[in-house]
Amino acid sequence: MPDHEHMLVAIPPKIAVSSFMGYLKGKSSLMIFEKHAQLKYKYGNRKFWAEGYYVSTVGLNEATVRKYIREQEAHDQAVDKLSVKEYEDPFIGNRTKKK
């Protein structure tokens, strides 16, 4: 299950990247909480997204970035299938293996 999003967006030069990201994260949080009200309890105080973000400019390699984004979910699923993690059951204290 991914814990982040990849996006390829075009931001007009007159808009600061930080302003765009603040707007995007704020509005998307409101929309997500409106559609999935139960998440308000999990992510109290409307803090759905983590602080910060990563931004990079794209020039001639736009096709490469698009391909990376398109294939990322399949890659993450393949990696998840390969890893075995141990978790402690919080109710009985036994270790369980999750695949």
N, C-alpha and C. Protein backbone atom coordinates (compact mmCIF):
# COMPACT_ATOMS: atom_id res chain seq x y z
N MET A 1 0.85 -1.18 0.00
CA MET A 1 0.00 0.00 0.00
C MET A 1 0.89 1.23 0.00
N PRO A 2 0.76 2.09 -1.00
CA PRO A 2 1.63 3.25 -1.08
C PRO A 2 1.33 4.28 0.02
N ASP A 3 2.38 4.94 0.46
CA ASP A 3 2.20 5.99 1.46
C ASP A 3 2.55 7.36 0.89
N HIS A 4 2.56 7.45 -0.43
CA HIS A 4 2.85 8.71 -1.08
C HIS A 4 2.27 8.70 -2.49
N GLU A 5 2.29 9.84 -3.13
CA GLU A 5 1.76 9.97 -4.48
C GLU A 5 2.83 10.53 -5.40
N HIS A 6 2.79 10.11 -6.65
CA HIS A 6 3.63 10.69 -7.69
C HIS A 6 2.72 11.47 -8.61
N MET A 7 3.11 12.67 -8.98
CA MET A 7 2.33 13.49 -9.90
C MET A 7 3.25 14.22 -10.85
N LEU A 8 2.77 14.40 -12.05
CA LEU A 8 3.46 15.23 -13.03
C LEU A 8 2.50 16.36 -13.35
N VAL A 9 2.85 17.56 -12.92
CA VAL A 9 1.96 18.71 -13.11
C VAL A 9 2.72 19.86 -13.76
N ALA A 10 1.97 20.70 -14.45
CA ALA A 10 2.53 21.93 -15.02
C ALA A 10 2.00 23.09 -14.18
N ILE A 11 2.91 23.84 -13.60
CA ILE A 11 2.53 24.98 -12.76
C ILE A 11 2.96 26.24 -13.50
N PRO A 12 2.04 27.18 -13.73
CA PRO A 12 2.42 28.43 -14.40
C PRO A 12 3.51 29.15 -13.62
N PRO A 13 4.43 29.80 -14.31
CA PRO A 13 5.55 30.48 -13.64
C PRO A 13 5.12 31.52 -12.60
N LYS A 14 3.93 32.10 -12.76
CA LYS A 14 3.50 33.15 -11.82
C LYS A 14 3.04 32.57 -10.48
N ILE A 15 2.89 31.24 -10.39
CA ILE A 15 2.47 30.60 -9.14
C ILE A 15 3.68 29.93 -8.49
N ALA A 16 3.92 30.25 -7.24
CA ALA A 16 5.03 29.63 -6.50
C ALA A 16 4.70 28.16 -6.24
N VAL A 17 5.72 27.31 -6.34
CA VAL A 17 5.53 25.88 -6.10
C VAL A 17 4.96 25.66 -4.70
N SER A 18 5.46 26.38 -3.71
CA SER A 18 4.97 26.20 -2.34
C SER A 18 3.49 26.56 -2.22
N SER A 19 3.06 27.60 -2.92
CA SER A 19 1.63 27.97 -2.91
C SER A 19 0.79 26.89 -3.56
N PHE A 20 1.27 26.38 -4.69
CA PHE A 20 0.54 25.33 -5.39
C PHE A 20 0.41 24.08 -4.51
N MET A 21 1.51 23.68 -3.88
CA MET A 21 1.49 22.47 -3.06
C MET A 21 0.59 22.65 -1.84
N GLY A 22 0.62 23.83 -1.23
CA GLY A 22 -0.27 24.10 -0.09
C GLY A 22 -1.73 24.00 -0.50
N TYR A 23 -2.05 24.58 -1.66
CA TYR A 23 -3.42 24.52 -2.17
C TYR A 23 -3.81 23.08 -2.49
N LEU A 24 -2.94 22.36 -3.19
CA LEU A 24 -3.22 20.98 -3.58
C LEU A 24 -3.45 20.08 -2.36
N LYS A 25 -2.55 20.17 -1.39
CA LYS A 25 -2.67 19.32 -0.21
C LYS A 25 -3.88 19.71 0.64
N GLY A 26 -4.14 21.01 0.75
CA GLY A 26 -5.29 21.47 1.54
C GLY A 26 -6.62 21.06 0.94
N LYS A 27 -6.79 21.36 -0.34
CA LYS A 27 -8.06 21.04 -1.01
C LYS A 27 -8.27 19.54 -1.12
N SER A 28 -7.21 18.80 -1.42
CA SER A 28 -7.38 17.34 -1.55
C SER A 28 -7.73 16.72 -0.19
N SER A 29 -7.17 17.25 0.89
CA SER A 29 -7.54 16.75 2.23
C SER A 29 -9.02 16.96 2.49
N LEU A 30 -9.50 18.16 2.18
CA LEU A 30 -10.92 18.45 2.39
C LEU A 30 -11.80 17.51 1.58
N MET A 31 -11.43 17.28 0.33
CA MET A 31 -12.21 16.40 -0.53
C MET A 31 -12.18 14.95 -0.04
N ILE A 32 -11.02 14.50 0.39
CA ILE A 32 -10.89 13.12 0.89
C ILE A 32 -11.71 12.94 2.16
N PHE A 33 -11.62 13.90 3.10
CA PHE A 33 -12.37 13.79 4.34
C PHE A 33 -13.88 13.91 4.11
N GLU A 34 -14.26 14.68 3.10
CA GLU A 34 -15.69 14.80 2.77
C GLU A 34 -16.23 13.48 2.24
N LYS A 35 -15.44 12.83 1.41
CA LYS A 35 -15.88 11.56 0.81
C LYS A 35 -15.72 10.38 1.77
N HIS A 36 -14.71 10.43 2.62
CA HIS A 36 -14.42 9.33 3.55
C HIS A 36 -14.35 9.89 4.97
N ALA A 37 -15.51 10.17 5.54
CA ALA A 37 -15.59 10.84 6.85
C ALA A 37 -14.88 10.07 7.96
N GLN A 38 -14.84 8.75 7.87
CA GLN A 38 -14.20 7.95 8.93
C GLN A 38 -12.71 8.25 9.06
N LEU A 39 -12.10 8.78 8.02
CA LEU A 39 -10.67 9.09 8.09
C LEU A 39 -10.37 10.27 9.01
N LYS A 40 -11.38 11.09 9.30
CA LYS A 40 -11.16 12.22 10.21
C LYS A 40 -10.71 11.73 11.58
N TYR A 41 -11.21 10.56 11.98
CA TYR A 41 -10.83 10.02 13.29
C TYR A 41 -9.40 9.49 13.28
N LYS A 42 -9.01 8.93 12.14
CA LYS A 42 -7.66 8.39 12.03
C LYS A 42 -6.63 9.50 11.88
N TYR A 43 -6.96 10.51 11.08
CA TYR A 43 -6.05 11.63 10.81
C TYR A 43 -6.60 12.89 11.44
N GLY A 44 -6.69 12.92 12.74
CA GLY A 44 -7.28 14.04 13.46
C GLY A 44 -6.76 15.39 13.03
N ASN A 45 -7.59 16.39 13.23
CA ASN A 45 -7.24 17.78 12.93
C ASN A 45 -6.92 18.02 11.46
N ARG A 46 -7.49 17.20 10.59
CA ARG A 46 -7.37 17.36 9.14
C ARG A 46 -5.92 17.34 8.64
N LYS A 47 -5.09 16.58 9.28
CA LYS A 47 -3.70 16.45 8.83
C LYS A 47 -3.54 15.14 8.09
N PHE A 48 -4.04 15.10 6.87
CA PHE A 48 -3.99 13.88 6.08
C PHE A 48 -2.60 13.70 5.47
N TRP A 49 -2.05 14.75 4.91
CA TRP A 49 -0.74 14.68 4.26
C TRP A 49 0.37 15.01 5.25
N ALA A 50 1.51 14.40 5.05
CA ALA A 50 2.69 14.72 5.87
C ALA A 50 3.19 16.12 5.49
N GLU A 51 3.94 16.71 6.39
CA GLU A 51 4.54 18.00 6.08
C GLU A 51 5.60 17.80 5.00
N GLY A 52 5.75 18.79 4.16
CA GLY A 52 6.78 18.76 3.14
C GLY A 52 6.37 18.04 1.87
N TYR A 53 7.26 18.10 0.89
CA TYR A 53 7.04 17.48 -0.41
C TYR A 53 8.36 17.50 -1.17
N TYR A 54 8.43 16.74 -2.23
CA TYR A 54 9.61 16.73 -3.09
C TYR A 54 9.19 17.24 -4.46
N VAL A 55 9.98 18.13 -5.00
CA VAL A 55 9.69 18.70 -6.32
C VAL A 55 10.94 18.64 -7.17
N SER A 56 10.76 18.32 -8.42
CA SER A 56 11.86 18.35 -9.38
C SER A 56 11.32 18.89 -10.69
N THR A 57 12.16 19.59 -11.41
CA THR A 57 11.74 20.09 -12.71
C THR A 57 11.97 19.02 -13.77
N VAL A 58 11.18 19.08 -14.80
CA VAL A 58 11.27 18.10 -15.88
C VAL A 58 11.51 18.85 -17.18
N GLY A 59 12.49 18.39 -17.90
CA GLY A 59 12.78 19.00 -19.20
C GLY A 59 12.57 17.99 -20.30
N LEU A 60 13.64 17.61 -20.93
CA LEU A 60 13.57 16.67 -22.04
C LEU A 60 13.23 15.26 -21.61
N ASN A 61 13.32 14.97 -20.33
CA ASN A 61 13.06 13.60 -19.86
C ASN A 61 11.63 13.41 -19.37
N GLU A 62 10.69 14.20 -19.83
CA GLU A 62 9.29 14.08 -19.40
C GLU A 62 8.74 12.69 -19.66
N ALA A 63 9.06 12.11 -20.80
CA ALA A 63 8.57 10.77 -21.13
C ALA A 63 9.08 9.74 -20.11
N THR A 64 10.32 9.89 -19.67
CA THR A 64 10.89 8.98 -18.67
C THR A 64 10.15 9.12 -17.35
N VAL A 65 9.84 10.35 -16.95
CA VAL A 65 9.12 10.58 -15.70
C VAL A 65 7.71 10.00 -15.78
N ARG A 66 7.04 10.20 -16.90
CA ARG A 66 5.70 9.64 -17.09
C ARG A 66 5.73 8.11 -16.97
N LYS A 67 6.72 7.49 -17.58
CA LYS A 67 6.85 6.03 -17.53
C LYS A 67 7.09 5.57 -16.09
N TYR A 68 7.96 6.26 -15.38
CA TYR A 68 8.25 5.92 -13.98
C TYR A 68 6.98 5.97 -13.14
N ILE A 69 6.20 7.03 -13.28
CA ILE A 69 4.97 7.17 -12.52
C ILE A 69 3.99 6.05 -12.87
N ARG A 70 3.85 5.77 -14.15
CA ARG A 70 2.93 4.73 -14.61
C ARG A 70 3.28 3.36 -14.04
N GLU A 71 4.56 3.06 -13.97
CA GLU A 71 5.01 1.73 -13.55
C GLU A 71 5.27 1.60 -12.06
N GLN A 72 5.17 2.69 -11.31
CA GLN A 72 5.54 2.66 -9.90
C GLN A 72 4.64 1.76 -9.06
N GLU A 73 3.34 1.76 -9.31
CA GLU A 73 2.45 0.93 -8.51
C GLU A 73 2.77 -0.56 -8.68
N ALA A 74 2.99 -0.99 -9.91
CA ALA A 74 3.33 -2.39 -10.16
C ALA A 74 4.66 -2.74 -9.49
N HIS A 75 5.61 -1.83 -9.52
CA HIS A 75 6.91 -2.05 -8.87
C HIS A 75 6.73 -2.21 -7.36
N ASP A 76 5.95 -1.31 -6.75
CA ASP A 76 5.72 -1.38 -5.31
C ASP A 76 5.03 -2.69 -4.91
N GLN A 77 4.07 -3.13 -5.72
CA GLN A 77 3.38 -4.39 -5.43
C GLN A 77 4.34 -5.57 -5.51
N ALA A 78 5.22 -5.56 -6.48
CA ALA A 78 6.20 -6.65 -6.63
C ALA A 78 7.15 -6.68 -5.44
N VAL A 79 7.61 -5.53 -4.99
CA VAL A 79 8.51 -5.46 -3.84
C VAL A 79 7.80 -5.93 -2.58
N ASP A 80 6.53 -5.53 -2.41
CA ASP A 80 5.76 -5.95 -1.24
C ASP A 80 5.63 -7.46 -1.17
N LYS A 81 5.48 -8.11 -2.31
CA LYS A 81 5.34 -9.57 -2.33
C LYS A 81 6.64 -10.27 -1.94
N LEU A 82 7.76 -9.62 -2.19
CA LEU A 82 9.06 -10.22 -1.87
C LEU A 82 9.44 -10.07 -0.41
N SER A 83 8.92 -9.05 0.25
CA SER A 83 9.35 -8.80 1.62
C SER A 83 8.44 -9.51 2.62
N VAL A 84 9.06 -9.98 3.69
CA VAL A 84 8.33 -10.60 4.79
C VAL A 84 8.68 -9.78 6.03
N LYS A 85 7.66 -9.26 6.69
CA LYS A 85 7.89 -8.43 7.86
C LYS A 85 7.29 -9.11 9.08
N GLU A 86 7.92 -8.91 10.22
CA GLU A 86 7.38 -9.45 11.47
C GLU A 86 6.71 -8.33 12.24
N TYR A 87 5.55 -8.62 12.76
CA TYR A 87 4.80 -7.66 13.55
C TYR A 87 4.43 -8.31 14.87
N GLU A 88 4.35 -7.51 15.90
CA GLU A 88 3.90 -8.03 17.19
C GLU A 88 2.42 -7.73 17.32
N ASP A 89 1.64 -8.75 17.62
CA ASP A 89 0.21 -8.58 17.80
C ASP A 89 -0.01 -7.76 19.07
N PRO A 90 -0.64 -6.58 18.98
CA PRO A 90 -0.78 -5.72 20.15
C PRO A 90 -1.73 -6.28 21.21
N PHE A 91 -2.55 -7.26 20.85
CA PHE A 91 -3.52 -7.79 21.78
C PHE A 91 -3.00 -8.99 22.56
N ILE A 92 -2.19 -9.81 21.91
CA ILE A 92 -1.70 -11.00 22.61
C ILE A 92 -0.18 -11.04 22.71
N GLY A 93 0.50 -10.11 22.07
CA GLY A 93 1.94 -10.02 22.19
C GLY A 93 2.73 -11.00 21.36
N ASN A 94 2.07 -11.86 20.62
CA ASN A 94 2.78 -12.83 19.78
C ASN A 94 3.27 -12.17 18.50
N ARG A 95 4.38 -12.66 18.04
CA ARG A 95 4.88 -12.18 16.76
C ARG A 95 4.16 -12.89 15.64
N THR A 96 3.77 -12.13 14.66
CA THR A 96 3.12 -12.71 13.48
C THR A 96 3.90 -12.28 12.26
N LYS A 97 3.90 -13.10 11.25
CA LYS A 97 4.58 -12.74 10.00
C LYS A 97 3.54 -12.28 9.01
N LYS A 98 3.84 -11.18 8.35
CA LYS A 98 2.97 -10.66 7.31
C LYS A 98 3.72 -10.67 6.01
N LYS A 99 3.07 -11.09 4.97
CA LYS A 99 3.70 -11.11 3.65
C LYS A 99 3.20 -9.95 2.84
